Each structure stands twice: as structure tokens, then as C-alpha cells.
Amino acid sequence: MTTTPEHDEKIAKLTFASVYPHYITKVERKGRTKDELHQVINWLTGFDDKQLKELIDEKVTFETFFNRATLNPKAQLITGLICGYRIEEIETPLTKQVRYLDKLVDELAKGKKMEKILRGA
């Protein structure tokens, strides 16, 4: 699936700090914790809590966020629909990475077991 250049640019310029509170709200509203959210983010990106706080304080864009990340090799196992897009068909690497994170947060909020969210890790 091809996203538009405008869509990709919008995602690239969005700050992680602006979306992060929404992730917390989404998972906590469904009975999950901030610690579980951090576990999911750590699994995908390699960022620990201290690094995550620094990135939020720095107000980095998603482009910078994922440029600094060490993406988990099992990230390619994240498939399915998110925000109207089938993840495995997204061609733009950054947009795909952001949708990986969105999908993991969504699975956490839906009550999936952590082992399944983390693709058997």
C-alpha cells in the first residue's frame, strides 16, 4: 500500500512527545500500565526509560525518534490493519515503523498477552 508523500511528511514531523500522552491514556483506560507501555516501546526501539524521557523532553520528531532507535529484528512480524493501512503493505520505512508502534499500543490496550505483543520474546 502506498501512502501519499504528504501523509508520510506529516508523520515524520509529528513529535513523539505529542503522541506519547495519548498512548498512556489509551492503555491505562483499558487497565494496562505505563510500565507495560514502556516495555512495549523498549522491545520495539531499544530505548530504556531514561532515554525515552530524554527523547520526550527533547521533543524529537518521529523521524528522529526512529533514526535513533535500534528496531527489534522481530518487528517485521507485526502485521495487520492499523489506521486503515495494512502494515505489511506500507512502503515508506518511517511510516511503517510508526504504525508498528501504533499496532503494539493497540494490542496492549486490547488486552493481548505481553508474550504475543512482543512476538514471543
PDB file of N, CA and C in Angstrom:
ATOM      1  N   MET A   1       0.844  -1.178   0.000  1.00  0.00           N
ATOM      2  CA  MET A   1       0.000   0.000   0.000  1.00  0.00           C
ATOM      3  C   MET A   1       0.885   1.236   0.000  1.00  0.00           C
ATOM      4  N   THR A   2       0.585   2.128  -0.873  1.00  0.00           N
ATOM      5  CA  THR A   2       1.352   3.348  -0.979  1.00  0.00           C
ATOM      6  C   THR A   2       0.646   4.458  -0.218  1.00  0.00           C
ATOM      7  N   THR A   3       1.387   5.095   0.656  1.00  0.00           N
ATOM      8  CA  THR A   3       0.862   6.272   1.343  1.00  0.00           C
ATOM      9  C   THR A   3       1.271   7.485   0.518  1.00  0.00           C
ATOM     10  N   THR A   4       0.600   8.600   0.742  1.00  0.00           N
ATOM     11  CA  THR A   4       0.950   9.798  -0.018  1.00  0.00           C
ATOM     12  C   THR A   4       2.184  10.451   0.599  1.00  0.00           C
ATOM     13  N   PRO A   5       2.942  11.182  -0.207  1.00  0.00           N
ATOM     14  CA  PRO A   5       4.101  11.901   0.347  1.00  0.00           C
ATOM     15  C   PRO A   5       3.689  12.874   1.465  1.00  0.00           C
ATOM     16  N   GLU A   6       2.520  13.481   1.321  1.00  0.00           N
ATOM     17  CA  GLU A   6       2.028  14.409   2.348  1.00  0.00           C
ATOM     18  C   GLU A   6       1.776  13.675   3.662  1.00  0.00           C
ATOM     19  N   HIS A   7       1.185  12.501   3.567  1.00  0.00           N
ATOM     20  CA  HIS A   7       0.915  11.684   4.755  1.00  0.00           C
ATOM     21  C   HIS A   7       2.223  11.301   5.439  1.00  0.00           C
ATOM     22  N   ASP A   8       3.196  10.851   4.657  1.00  0.00           N
ATOM     23  CA  ASP A   8       4.492  10.450   5.198  1.00  0.00           C
ATOM     24  C   ASP A   8       5.213  11.622   5.855  1.00  0.00           C
ATOM     25  N   GLU A   9       5.128  12.798   5.220  1.00  0.00           N
ATOM     26  CA  GLU A   9       5.770  14.005   5.767  1.00  0.00           C
ATOM     27  C   GLU A   9       5.122  14.424   7.080  1.00  0.00           C
ATOM     28  N   LYS A  10       3.809  14.312   7.142  1.00  0.00           N
ATOM     29  CA  LYS A  10       3.080  14.661   8.370  1.00  0.00           C
ATOM     30  C   LYS A  10       3.521  13.758   9.528  1.00  0.00           C
ATOM     31  N   ILE A  11       3.636  12.473   9.257  1.00  0.00           N
ATOM     32  CA  ILE A  11       4.077  11.519  10.287  1.00  0.00           C
ATOM     33  C   ILE A  11       5.513  11.813  10.700  1.00  0.00           C
ATOM     34  N   ALA A  12       6.377  12.088   9.751  1.00  0.00           N
ATOM     35  CA  ALA A  12       7.792  12.340  10.038  1.00  0.00           C
ATOM     36  C   ALA A  12       7.973  13.553  10.945  1.00  0.00           C
ATOM     37  N   LYS A  13       7.151  14.585  10.754  1.00  0.00           N
ATOM     38  CA  LYS A  13       7.304  15.837  11.503  1.00  0.00           C
ATOM     39  C   LYS A  13       6.554  15.842  12.834  1.00  0.00           C
ATOM     40  N   LEU A  14       5.691  14.877  13.045  1.00  0.00           N
ATOM     41  CA  LEU A  14       4.950  14.770  14.302  1.00  0.00           C
ATOM     42  C   LEU A  14       5.921  14.458  15.430  1.00  0.00           C
ATOM     43  N   THR A  15       5.758  15.123  16.573  1.00  0.00           N
ATOM     44  CA  THR A  15       6.680  14.841  17.678  1.00  0.00           C
ATOM     45  C   THR A  15       6.177  13.654  18.491  1.00  0.00           C
ATOM     46  N   PHE A  16       7.122  12.850  18.930  1.00  0.00           N
ATOM     47  CA  PHE A  16       6.782  11.713  19.778  1.00  0.00           C
ATOM     48  C   PHE A  16       6.115  12.207  21.063  1.00  0.00           C
ATOM     49  N   ALA A  17       6.612  13.314  21.605  1.00  0.00           N
ATOM     50  CA  ALA A  17       6.076  13.874  22.854  1.00  0.00           C
ATOM     51  C   ALA A  17       4.600  14.252  22.732  1.00  0.00           C
ATOM     52  N   SER A  18       4.148  14.611  21.545  1.00  0.00           N
ATOM     53  CA  SER A  18       2.745  14.987  21.365  1.00  0.00           C
ATOM     54  C   SER A  18       1.821  13.770  21.330  1.00  0.00           C
ATOM     55  N   VAL A  19       2.351  12.615  20.964  1.00  0.00           N
ATOM     56  CA  VAL A  19       1.552  11.397  20.843  1.00  0.00           C
ATOM     57  C   VAL A  19       1.638  10.531  22.101  1.00  0.00           C
ATOM     58  N   TYR A  20       2.770  10.572  22.765  1.00  0.00           N
ATOM     59  CA  TYR A  20       3.022   9.744  23.940  1.00  0.00           C
ATOM     60  C   TYR A  20       1.914   9.819  25.005  1.00  0.00           C
ATOM     61  N   PRO A  21       1.421  11.012  25.386  1.00  0.00           N
ATOM     62  CA  PRO A  21       0.335  11.049  26.387  1.00  0.00           C
ATOM     63  C   PRO A  21      -0.922  10.307  25.926  1.00  0.00           C
ATOM     64  N   HIS A  22      -1.160  10.308  24.624  1.00  0.00           N
ATOM     65  CA  HIS A  22      -2.326   9.587  24.085  1.00  0.00           C
ATOM     66  C   HIS A  22      -2.132   8.069  24.212  1.00  0.00           C
ATOM     67  N   TYR A  23      -0.899   7.626  24.026  1.00  0.00           N
ATOM     68  CA  TYR A  23      -0.597   6.204  24.229  1.00  0.00           C
ATOM     69  C   TYR A  23      -0.886   5.812  25.683  1.00  0.00           C
ATOM     70  N   ILE A  24      -0.407   6.637  26.610  1.00  0.00           N
ATOM     71  CA  ILE A  24      -0.628   6.346  28.033  1.00  0.00           C
ATOM     72  C   ILE A  24      -2.121   6.302  28.346  1.00  0.00           C
ATOM     73  N   THR A  25      -2.843   7.302  27.907  1.00  0.00           N
ATOM     74  CA  THR A  25      -4.290   7.360  28.153  1.00  0.00           C
ATOM     75  C   THR A  25      -4.983   6.128  27.589  1.00  0.00           C
ATOM     76  N   LYS A  26      -4.618   5.760  26.378  1.00  0.00           N
ATOM     77  CA  LYS A  26      -5.260   4.617  25.716  1.00  0.00           C
ATOM     78  C   LYS A  26      -5.053   3.330  26.498  1.00  0.00           C
ATOM     79  N   VAL A  27      -3.813   3.059  26.923  1.00  0.00           N
ATOM     80  CA  VAL A  27      -3.556   1.792  27.609  1.00  0.00           C
ATOM     81  C   VAL A  27      -4.101   1.793  29.037  1.00  0.00           C
ATOM     82  N   GLU A  28      -3.986   2.932  29.729  1.00  0.00           N
ATOM     83  CA  GLU A  28      -4.476   2.987  31.110  1.00  0.00           C
ATOM     84  C   GLU A  28      -5.997   2.904  31.173  1.00  0.00           C
ATOM     85  N   ARG A  29      -6.662   3.481  30.187  1.00  0.00           N
ATOM     86  CA  ARG A  29      -8.124   3.417  30.132  1.00  0.00           C
ATOM     87  C   ARG A  29      -8.600   1.961  30.014  1.00  0.00           C
ATOM     88  N   LYS A  30      -7.742   1.122  29.449  1.00  0.00           N
ATOM     89  CA  LYS A  30      -8.085  -0.292  29.258  1.00  0.00           C
ATOM     90  C   LYS A  30      -7.469  -1.193  30.325  1.00  0.00           C
ATOM     91  N   GLY A  31      -6.953  -0.566  31.424  1.00  0.00           N
ATOM     92  CA  GLY A  31      -6.456  -1.365  32.534  1.00  0.00           C
ATOM     93  C   GLY A  31      -5.008  -1.799  32.435  1.00  0.00           C
ATOM     94  N   ARG A  32      -4.279  -1.290  31.458  1.00  0.00           N
ATOM     95  CA  ARG A  32      -2.849  -1.604  31.354  1.00  0.00           C
ATOM     96  C   ARG A  32      -2.058  -0.468  31.998  1.00  0.00           C
ATOM     97  N   THR A  33      -0.747  -0.646  32.117  1.00  0.00           N
ATOM     98  CA  THR A  33       0.055   0.333  32.854  1.00  0.00           C
ATOM     99  C   THR A  33       1.073   1.047  31.957  1.00  0.00           C
ATOM    100  N   LYS A  34       1.556   2.158  32.482  1.00  0.00           N
ATOM    101  CA  LYS A  34       2.623   2.905  31.808  1.00  0.00           C
ATOM    102  C   LYS A  34       3.875   2.037  31.701  1.00  0.00           C
ATOM    103  N   ASP A  35       4.145   1.240  32.731  1.00  0.00           N
ATOM    104  CA  ASP A  35       5.299   0.336  32.691  1.00  0.00           C
ATOM    105  C   ASP A  35       5.175  -0.671  31.546  1.00  0.00           C
ATOM    106  N   GLU A  36       3.972  -1.177  31.333  1.00  0.00           N
ATOM    107  CA  GLU A  36       3.763  -2.113  30.224  1.00  0.00           C
ATOM    108  C   GLU A  36       3.959  -1.400  28.888  1.00  0.00           C
ATOM    109  N   LEU A  37       3.493  -0.168  28.798  1.00  0.00           N
ATOM    110  CA  LEU A  37       3.700   0.624  27.583  1.00  0.00           C
ATOM    111  C   LEU A  37       5.195   0.797  27.328  1.00  0.00           C
ATOM    112  N   HIS A  38       5.933   1.127  28.374  1.00  0.00           N
ATOM    113  CA  HIS A  38       7.380   1.299  28.234  1.00  0.00           C
ATOM    114  C   HIS A  38       8.059  -0.006  27.821  1.00  0.00           C
ATOM    115  N   GLN A  39       7.565  -1.119  28.327  1.00  0.00           N
ATOM    116  CA  GLN A  39       8.119  -2.422  27.947  1.00  0.00           C
ATOM    117  C   GLN A  39       7.942  -2.656  26.444  1.00  0.00           C
ATOM    118  N   VAL A  40       6.782  -2.302  25.935  1.00  0.00           N
ATOM    119  CA  VAL A  40       6.487  -2.458  24.509  1.00  0.00           C
ATOM    120  C   VAL A  40       7.382  -1.526  23.680  1.00  0.00           C
ATOM    121  N   ILE A  41       7.505  -0.272  24.110  1.00  0.00           N
ATOM    122  CA  ILE A  41       8.347   0.686  23.384  1.00  0.00           C
ATOM    123  C   ILE A  41       9.801   0.232  23.413  1.00  0.00           C
ATOM    124  N   ASN A  42      10.251  -0.248  24.564  1.00  0.00           N
ATOM    125  CA  ASN A  42      11.621  -0.744  24.696  1.00  0.00           C
ATOM    126  C   ASN A  42      11.873  -1.924  23.763  1.00  0.00           C
ATOM    127  N   TRP A  43      10.913  -2.838  23.708  1.00  0.00           N
ATOM    128  CA  TRP A  43      11.066  -4.013  22.844  1.00  0.00           C
ATOM    129  C   TRP A  43      11.226  -3.576  21.385  1.00  0.00           C
ATOM    130  N   LEU A  44      10.400  -2.626  20.945  1.00  0.00           N
ATOM    131  CA  LEU A  44      10.430  -2.204  19.544  1.00  0.00           C
ATOM    132  C   LEU A  44      11.659  -1.366  19.223  1.00  0.00           C
ATOM    133  N   THR A  45      12.032  -0.444  20.113  1.00  0.00           N
ATOM    134  CA  THR A  45      13.038   0.572  19.783  1.00  0.00           C
ATOM    135  C   THR A  45      14.388   0.406  20.473  1.00  0.00           C
ATOM    136  N   GLY A  46      14.404  -0.328  21.592  1.00  0.00           N
ATOM    137  CA  GLY A  46      15.624  -0.442  22.372  1.00  0.00           C
ATOM    138  C   GLY A  46      15.804   0.678  23.381  1.00  0.00           C
ATOM    139  N   PHE A  47      14.897   1.654  23.425  1.00  0.00           N
ATOM    140  CA  PHE A  47      15.013   2.773  24.359  1.00  0.00           C
ATOM    141  C   PHE A  47      14.600   2.351  25.765  1.00  0.00           C
ATOM    142  N   ASP A  48      15.452   2.660  26.754  1.00  0.00           N
ATOM    143  CA  ASP A  48      15.067   2.428  28.143  1.00  0.00           C
ATOM    144  C   ASP A  48      14.296   3.649  28.658  1.00  0.00           C
ATOM    145  N   ASP A  49      13.838   3.599  29.908  1.00  0.00           N
ATOM    146  CA  ASP A  49      13.019   4.684  30.460  1.00  0.00           C
ATOM    147  C   ASP A  49      13.746   6.026  30.431  1.00  0.00           C
ATOM    148  N   LYS A  50      15.027   6.013  30.757  1.00  0.00           N
ATOM    149  CA  LYS A  50      15.809   7.260  30.784  1.00  0.00           C
ATOM    150  C   LYS A  50      15.909   7.861  29.382  1.00  0.00           C
ATOM    151  N   GLN A  51      16.212   7.032  28.402  1.00  0.00           N
ATOM    152  CA  GLN A  51      16.316   7.510  27.016  1.00  0.00           C
ATOM    153  C   GLN A  51      14.969   8.024  26.520  1.00  0.00           C
ATOM    154  N   LEU A  52      13.909   7.322  26.880  1.00  0.00           N
ATOM    155  CA  LEU A  52      12.569   7.724  26.475  1.00  0.00           C
ATOM    156  C   LEU A  52      12.234   9.105  27.023  1.00  0.00           C
ATOM    157  N   LYS A  53      12.530   9.316  28.305  1.00  0.00           N
ATOM    158  CA  LYS A  53      12.285  10.629  28.926  1.00  0.00           C
ATOM    159  C   LYS A  53      13.077  11.719  28.217  1.00  0.00           C
ATOM    160  N   GLU A  54      14.331  11.435  27.900  1.00  0.00           N
ATOM    161  CA  GLU A  54      15.163  12.420  27.197  1.00  0.00           C
ATOM    162  C   GLU A  54      14.580  12.765  25.826  1.00  0.00           C
ATOM    163  N   LEU A  55      14.096  11.768  25.107  1.00  0.00           N
ATOM    164  CA  LEU A  55      13.502  11.995  23.787  1.00  0.00           C
ATOM    165  C   LEU A  55      12.228  12.828  23.894  1.00  0.00           C
ATOM    166  N   ILE A  56      11.448  12.564  24.933  1.00  0.00           N
ATOM    167  CA  ILE A  56      10.216  13.332  25.162  1.00  0.00           C
ATOM    168  C   ILE A  56      10.573  14.771  25.519  1.00  0.00           C
ATOM    169  N   ASP A  57      11.526  14.941  26.435  1.00  0.00           N
ATOM    170  CA  ASP A  57      11.945  16.287  26.842  1.00  0.00           C
ATOM    171  C   ASP A  57      12.524  17.076  25.669  1.00  0.00           C
ATOM    172  N   GLU A  58      13.211  16.373  24.792  1.00  0.00           N
ATOM    173  CA  GLU A  58      13.834  16.993  23.620  1.00  0.00           C
ATOM    174  C   GLU A  58      12.807  17.297  22.525  1.00  0.00           C
ATOM    175  N   LYS A  59      11.610  16.727  22.670  1.00  0.00           N
ATOM    176  CA  LYS A  59      10.526  16.899  21.694  1.00  0.00           C
ATOM    177  C   LYS A  59      10.963  16.504  20.266  1.00  0.00           C
ATOM    178  N   VAL A  60      11.556  15.313  20.180  1.00  0.00           N
ATOM    179  CA  VAL A  60      12.017  14.828  18.875  1.00  0.00           C
ATOM    180  C   VAL A  60      10.833  14.447  17.995  1.00  0.00           C
ATOM    181  N   THR A  61      11.039  14.567  16.704  1.00  0.00           N
ATOM    182  CA  THR A  61      10.044  14.115  15.737  1.00  0.00           C
ATOM    183  C   THR A  61      10.092  12.589  15.660  1.00  0.00           C
ATOM    184  N   PHE A  62       9.059  12.002  15.078  1.00  0.00           N
ATOM    185  CA  PHE A  62       9.087  10.552  14.866  1.00  0.00           C
ATOM    186  C   PHE A  62      10.261  10.169  13.962  1.00  0.00           C
ATOM    187  N   GLU A  63      10.601  11.041  13.034  1.00  0.00           N
ATOM    188  CA  GLU A  63      11.738  10.763  12.163  1.00  0.00           C
ATOM    189  C   GLU A  63      13.020  10.611  12.992  1.00  0.00           C
ATOM    190  N   THR A  64      13.273  11.544  13.888  1.00  0.00           N
ATOM    191  CA  THR A  64      14.453  11.471  14.753  1.00  0.00           C
ATOM    192  C   THR A  64      14.343  10.294  15.715  1.00  0.00           C
ATOM    193  N   PHE A  65      13.151  10.094  16.281  1.00  0.00           N
ATOM    194  CA  PHE A  65      12.901   9.003  17.221  1.00  0.00           C
ATOM    195  C   PHE A  65      13.326   7.670  16.618  1.00  0.00           C
ATOM    196  N   PHE A  66      12.851   7.389  15.417  1.00  0.00           N
ATOM    197  CA  PHE A  66      13.168   6.096  14.797  1.00  0.00           C
ATOM    198  C   PHE A  66      14.568   6.059  14.182  1.00  0.00           C
ATOM    199  N   ASN A  67      15.139   7.213  13.835  1.00  0.00           N
ATOM    200  CA  ASN A  67      16.532   7.233  13.379  1.00  0.00           C
ATOM    201  C   ASN A  67      17.469   6.837  14.513  1.00  0.00           C
ATOM    202  N   ARG A  68      17.114   7.184  15.740  1.00  0.00           N
ATOM    203  CA  ARG A  68      17.947   6.858  16.906  1.00  0.00           C
ATOM    204  C   ARG A  68      17.655   5.468  17.469  1.00  0.00           C
ATOM    205  N   ALA A  69      16.540   4.901  17.080  1.00  0.00           N
ATOM    206  CA  ALA A  69      16.121   3.596  17.610  1.00  0.00           C
ATOM    207  C   ALA A  69      16.921   2.459  16.981  1.00  0.00           C
ATOM    208  N   THR A  70      17.005   1.361  17.724  1.00  0.00           N
ATOM    209  CA  THR A  70      17.515   0.109  17.187  1.00  0.00           C
ATOM    210  C   THR A  70      16.305  -0.812  17.092  1.00  0.00           C
ATOM    211  N   LEU A  71      15.722  -0.866  15.921  1.00  0.00           N
ATOM    212  CA  LEU A  71      14.479  -1.603  15.739  1.00  0.00           C
ATOM    213  C   LEU A  71      14.683  -3.093  15.996  1.00  0.00           C
ATOM    214  N   ASN A  72      13.761  -3.674  16.746  1.00  0.00           N
ATOM    215  CA  ASN A  72      13.815  -5.093  17.050  1.00  0.00           C
ATOM    216  C   ASN A  72      13.718  -5.888  15.743  1.00  0.00           C
ATOM    217  N   PRO A  73      14.590  -6.892  15.568  1.00  0.00           N
ATOM    218  CA  PRO A  73      14.543  -7.686  14.332  1.00  0.00           C
ATOM    219  C   PRO A  73      13.205  -8.400  14.123  1.00  0.00           C
ATOM    220  N   LYS A  74      12.471  -8.629  15.211  1.00  0.00           N
ATOM    221  CA  LYS A  74      11.172  -9.291  15.073  1.00  0.00           C
ATOM    222  C   LYS A  74      10.046  -8.320  14.724  1.00  0.00           C
ATOM    223  N   ALA A  75      10.366  -7.036  14.561  1.00  0.00           N
ATOM    224  CA  ALA A  75       9.341  -6.037  14.238  1.00  0.00           C
ATOM    225  C   ALA A  75       8.591  -6.403  12.952  1.00  0.00           C
ATOM    226  N   GLN A  76       9.272  -7.049  12.024  1.00  0.00           N
ATOM    227  CA  GLN A  76       8.627  -7.427  10.759  1.00  0.00           C
ATOM    228  C   GLN A  76       7.470  -8.410  10.964  1.00  0.00           C
ATOM    229  N   LEU A  77       7.404  -9.017  12.158  1.00  0.00           N
ATOM    230  CA  LEU A  77       6.303  -9.929  12.468  1.00  0.00           C
ATOM    231  C   LEU A  77       5.018  -9.183  12.844  1.00  0.00           C
ATOM    232  N   ILE A  78       5.116  -7.859  12.987  1.00  0.00           N
ATOM    233  CA  ILE A  78       3.939  -7.043  13.321  1.00  0.00           C
ATOM    234  C   ILE A  78       3.166  -6.814  12.033  1.00  0.00           C
ATOM    235  N   THR A  79       1.971  -7.377  11.971  1.00  0.00           N
ATOM    236  CA  THR A  79       1.151  -7.286  10.767  1.00  0.00           C
ATOM    237  C   THR A  79      -0.268  -6.909  11.148  1.00  0.00           C
ATOM    238  N   GLY A  80      -1.064  -6.663  10.143  1.00  0.00           N
ATOM    239  CA  GLY A  80      -2.471  -6.362  10.371  1.00  0.00           C
ATOM    240  C   GLY A  80      -2.815  -4.933  10.011  1.00  0.00           C
ATOM    241  N   LEU A  81      -4.059  -4.577  10.305  1.00  0.00           N
ATOM    242  CA  LEU A  81      -4.559  -3.245   9.986  1.00  0.00           C
ATOM    243  C   LEU A  81      -4.386  -2.290  11.155  1.00  0.00           C
ATOM    244  N   ILE A  82      -3.972  -1.070  10.840  1.00  0.00           N
ATOM    245  CA  ILE A  82      -3.928  -0.007  11.826  1.00  0.00           C
ATOM    246  C   ILE A  82      -4.144   1.310  11.077  1.00  0.00           C
ATOM    247  N   CYS A  83      -5.050   2.106  11.582  1.00  0.00           N
ATOM    248  CA  CYS A  83      -5.359   3.409  10.969  1.00  0.00           C
ATOM    249  C   CYS A  83      -5.726   3.274   9.487  1.00  0.00           C
ATOM    250  N   GLY A  84      -6.374   2.185   9.134  1.00  0.00           N
ATOM    251  CA  GLY A  84      -6.817   1.984   7.759  1.00  0.00           C
ATOM    252  C   GLY A  84      -5.755   1.457   6.811  1.00  0.00           C
ATOM    253  N   TYR A  85      -4.581   1.163   7.314  1.00  0.00           N
ATOM    254  CA  TYR A  85      -3.488   0.662   6.474  1.00  0.00           C
ATOM    255  C   TYR A  85      -3.085  -0.736   6.913  1.00  0.00           C
ATOM    256  N   ARG A  86      -2.794  -1.598   5.955  1.00  0.00           N
ATOM    257  CA  ARG A  86      -2.242  -2.914   6.258  1.00  0.00           C
ATOM    258  C   ARG A  86      -0.734  -2.713   6.400  1.00  0.00           C
ATOM    259  N   ILE A  87      -0.223  -2.948   7.608  1.00  0.00           N
ATOM    260  CA  ILE A  87       1.165  -2.626   7.933  1.00  0.00           C
ATOM    261  C   ILE A  87       2.157  -3.256   6.963  1.00  0.00           C
ATOM    262  N   GLU A  88       1.965  -4.517   6.663  1.00  0.00           N
ATOM    263  CA  GLU A  88       2.936  -5.211   5.823  1.00  0.00           C
ATOM    264  C   GLU A  88       2.988  -4.680   4.390  1.00  0.00           C
ATOM    265  N   GLU A  89       2.011  -3.846   4.008  1.00  0.00           N
ATOM    266  CA  GLU A  89       1.983  -3.284   2.658  1.00  0.00           C
ATOM    267  C   GLU A  89       2.477  -1.841   2.601  1.00  0.00           C
ATOM    268  N   ILE A  90       2.779  -1.250   3.744  1.00  0.00           N
ATOM    269  CA  ILE A  90       3.263   0.138   3.764  1.00  0.00           C
ATOM    270  C   ILE A  90       4.695   0.152   3.236  1.00  0.00           C
ATOM    271  N   GLU A  91       4.952   1.004   2.246  1.00  0.00           N
ATOM    272  CA  GLU A  91       6.251   1.020   1.574  1.00  0.00           C
ATOM    273  C   GLU A  91       7.257   1.976   2.210  1.00  0.00           C
ATOM    274  N   THR A  92       6.798   3.053   2.823  1.00  0.00           N
ATOM    275  CA  THR A  92       7.706   4.033   3.406  1.00  0.00           C
ATOM    276  C   THR A  92       8.193   3.528   4.765  1.00  0.00           C
ATOM    277  N   PRO A  93       9.502   3.324   4.932  1.00  0.00           N
ATOM    278  CA  PRO A  93      10.026   2.728   6.172  1.00  0.00           C
ATOM    279  C   PRO A  93       9.602   3.461   7.449  1.00  0.00           C
ATOM    280  N   LEU A  94       9.691   4.790   7.472  1.00  0.00           N
ATOM    281  CA  LEU A  94       9.334   5.517   8.689  1.00  0.00           C
ATOM    282  C   LEU A  94       7.853   5.358   9.013  1.00  0.00           C
ATOM    283  N   THR A  95       7.010   5.482   8.028  1.00  0.00           N
ATOM    284  CA  THR A  95       5.568   5.322   8.260  1.00  0.00           C
ATOM    285  C   THR A  95       5.285   3.916   8.779  1.00  0.00           C
ATOM    286  N   LYS A  96       5.960   2.924   8.233  1.00  0.00           N
ATOM    287  CA  LYS A  96       5.789   1.539   8.683  1.00  0.00           C
ATOM    288  C   LYS A  96       6.213   1.408  10.148  1.00  0.00           C
ATOM    289  N   GLN A  97       7.327   2.018  10.526  1.00  0.00           N
ATOM    290  CA  GLN A  97       7.818   1.939  11.898  1.00  0.00           C
ATOM    291  C   GLN A  97       6.849   2.597  12.885  1.00  0.00           C
ATOM    292  N   VAL A  98       6.312   3.743  12.509  1.00  0.00           N
ATOM    293  CA  VAL A  98       5.332   4.419  13.375  1.00  0.00           C
ATOM    294  C   VAL A  98       4.089   3.551  13.517  1.00  0.00           C
ATOM    295  N   ARG A  99       3.669   2.926  12.451  1.00  0.00           N
ATOM    296  CA  ARG A  99       2.489   2.049  12.506  1.00  0.00           C
ATOM    297  C   ARG A  99       2.780   0.777  13.303  1.00  0.00           C
ATOM    298  N   TYR A 100       4.027   0.311  13.300  1.00  0.00           N
ATOM    299  CA  TYR A 100       4.401  -0.803  14.187  1.00  0.00           C
ATOM    300  C   TYR A 100       4.103  -0.407  15.631  1.00  0.00           C
ATOM    301  N   LEU A 101       4.562   0.774  16.017  1.00  0.00           N
ATOM    302  CA  LEU A 101       4.353   1.241  17.384  1.00  0.00           C
ATOM    303  C   LEU A 101       2.866   1.398  17.674  1.00  0.00           C
ATOM    304  N   ASP A 102       2.132   1.999  16.757  1.00  0.00           N
ATOM    305  CA  ASP A 102       0.679   2.156  16.939  1.00  0.00           C
ATOM    306  C   ASP A 102       0.004   0.805  17.145  1.00  0.00           C
ATOM    307  N   LYS A 103       0.405  -0.183  16.357  1.00  0.00           N
ATOM    308  CA  LYS A 103      -0.192  -1.518  16.440  1.00  0.00           C
ATOM    309  C   LYS A 103       0.109  -2.167  17.786  1.00  0.00           C
ATOM    310  N   LEU A 104       1.347  -2.041  18.266  1.00  0.00           N
ATOM    311  CA  LEU A 104       1.702  -2.619  19.562  1.00  0.00           C
ATOM    312  C   LEU A 104       0.909  -1.964  20.692  1.00  0.00           C
ATOM    313  N   VAL A 105       0.768  -0.649  20.642  1.00  0.00           N
ATOM    314  CA  VAL A 105      -0.017   0.068  21.656  1.00  0.00           C
ATOM    315  C   VAL A 105      -1.473  -0.389  21.597  1.00  0.00           C
ATOM    316  N   ASP A 106      -1.985  -0.553  20.402  1.00  0.00           N
ATOM    317  CA  ASP A 106      -3.355  -1.018  20.211  1.00  0.00           C
ATOM    318  C   ASP A 106      -3.549  -2.422  20.793  1.00  0.00           C
ATOM    319  N   GLU A 107      -2.605  -3.309  20.528  1.00  0.00           N
ATOM    320  CA  GLU A 107      -2.691  -4.672  21.064  1.00  0.00           C
ATOM    321  C   GLU A 107      -2.625  -4.671  22.587  1.00  0.00           C
ATOM    322  N   LEU A 108      -1.785  -3.827  23.151  1.00  0.00           N
ATOM    323  CA  LEU A 108      -1.686  -3.701  24.604  1.00  0.00           C
ATOM    324  C   LEU A 108      -3.022  -3.239  25.180  1.00  0.00           C
ATOM    325  N   ALA A 109      -3.601  -2.218  24.560  1.00  0.00           N
ATOM    326  CA  ALA A 109      -4.879  -1.688  25.032  1.00  0.00           C
ATOM    327  C   ALA A 109      -6.011  -2.707  24.892  1.00  0.00           C
ATOM    328  N   LYS A 110      -5.906  -3.582  23.917  1.00  0.00           N
ATOM    329  CA  LYS A 110      -6.954  -4.591  23.698  1.00  0.00           C
ATOM    330  C   LYS A 110      -6.810  -5.793  24.625  1.00  0.00           C
ATOM    331  N   GLY A 111      -5.757  -5.780  25.470  1.00  0.00           N
ATOM    332  CA  GLY A 111      -5.621  -6.832  26.462  1.00  0.00           C
ATOM    333  C   GLY A 111      -4.858  -8.068  26.021  1.00  0.00           C
ATOM    334  N   LYS A 112      -4.177  -7.980  24.889  1.00  0.00           N
ATOM    335  CA  LYS A 112      -3.374  -9.128  24.454  1.00  0.00           C
ATOM    336  C   LYS A 112      -2.302  -9.436  25.481  1.00  0.00           C
ATOM    337  N   LYS A 113      -1.910 -10.689  25.548  1.00  0.00           N
ATOM    338  CA  LYS A 113      -0.836 -11.093  26.453  1.00  0.00           C
ATOM    339  C   LYS A 113       0.485 -10.507  25.966  1.00  0.00           C
ATOM    340  N   MET A 114       1.307 -10.090  26.922  1.00  0.00           N
ATOM    341  CA  MET A 114       2.571  -9.436  26.592  1.00  0.00           C
ATOM    342  C   MET A 114       3.439 -10.316  25.712  1.00  0.00           C
ATOM    343  N   GLU A 115       3.461 -11.617  25.946  1.00  0.00           N
ATOM    344  CA  GLU A 115       4.279 -12.528  25.135  1.00  0.00           C
ATOM    345  C   GLU A 115       3.879 -12.452  23.660  1.00  0.00           C
ATOM    346  N   LYS A 116       2.577 -12.343  23.396  1.00  0.00           N
ATOM    347  CA  LYS A 116       2.124 -12.250  21.999  1.00  0.00           C
ATOM    348  C   LYS A 116       2.444 -10.892  21.398  1.00  0.00           C
ATOM    349  N   ILE A 117       2.269  -9.833  22.213  1.00  0.00           N
ATOM    350  CA  ILE A 117       2.576  -8.478  21.740  1.00  0.00           C
ATOM    351  C   ILE A 117       4.037  -8.386  21.337  1.00  0.00           C
ATOM    352  N   LEU A 118       4.900  -8.983  22.161  1.00  0.00           N
ATOM    353  CA  LEU A 118       6.341  -8.926  21.929  1.00  0.00           C
ATOM    354  C   LEU A 118       6.823 -10.050  21.014  1.00  0.00           C
ATOM    355  N   ARG A 119       5.891 -10.616  20.290  1.00  0.00           N
ATOM    356  CA  ARG A 119       6.170 -11.632  19.279  1.00  0.00           C
ATOM    357  C   ARG A 119       7.026 -12.771  19.816  1.00  0.00           C
ATOM    358  N   GLY A 120       6.623 -13.279  21.008  1.00  0.00           N
ATOM    359  CA  GLY A 120       7.264 -14.441  21.591  1.00  0.00           C
ATOM    360  C   GLY A 120       8.565 -14.173  22.293  1.00  0.00           C
ATOM    361  N   ALA A 121       8.871 -12.891  22.521  1.00  0.00           N
ATOM    362  CA  ALA A 121      10.159 -12.537  23.171  1.00  0.00           C
ATOM    363  C   ALA A 121      10.233 -13.039  24.587  1.00  0.00           C
TER     364      ALA A 121
END
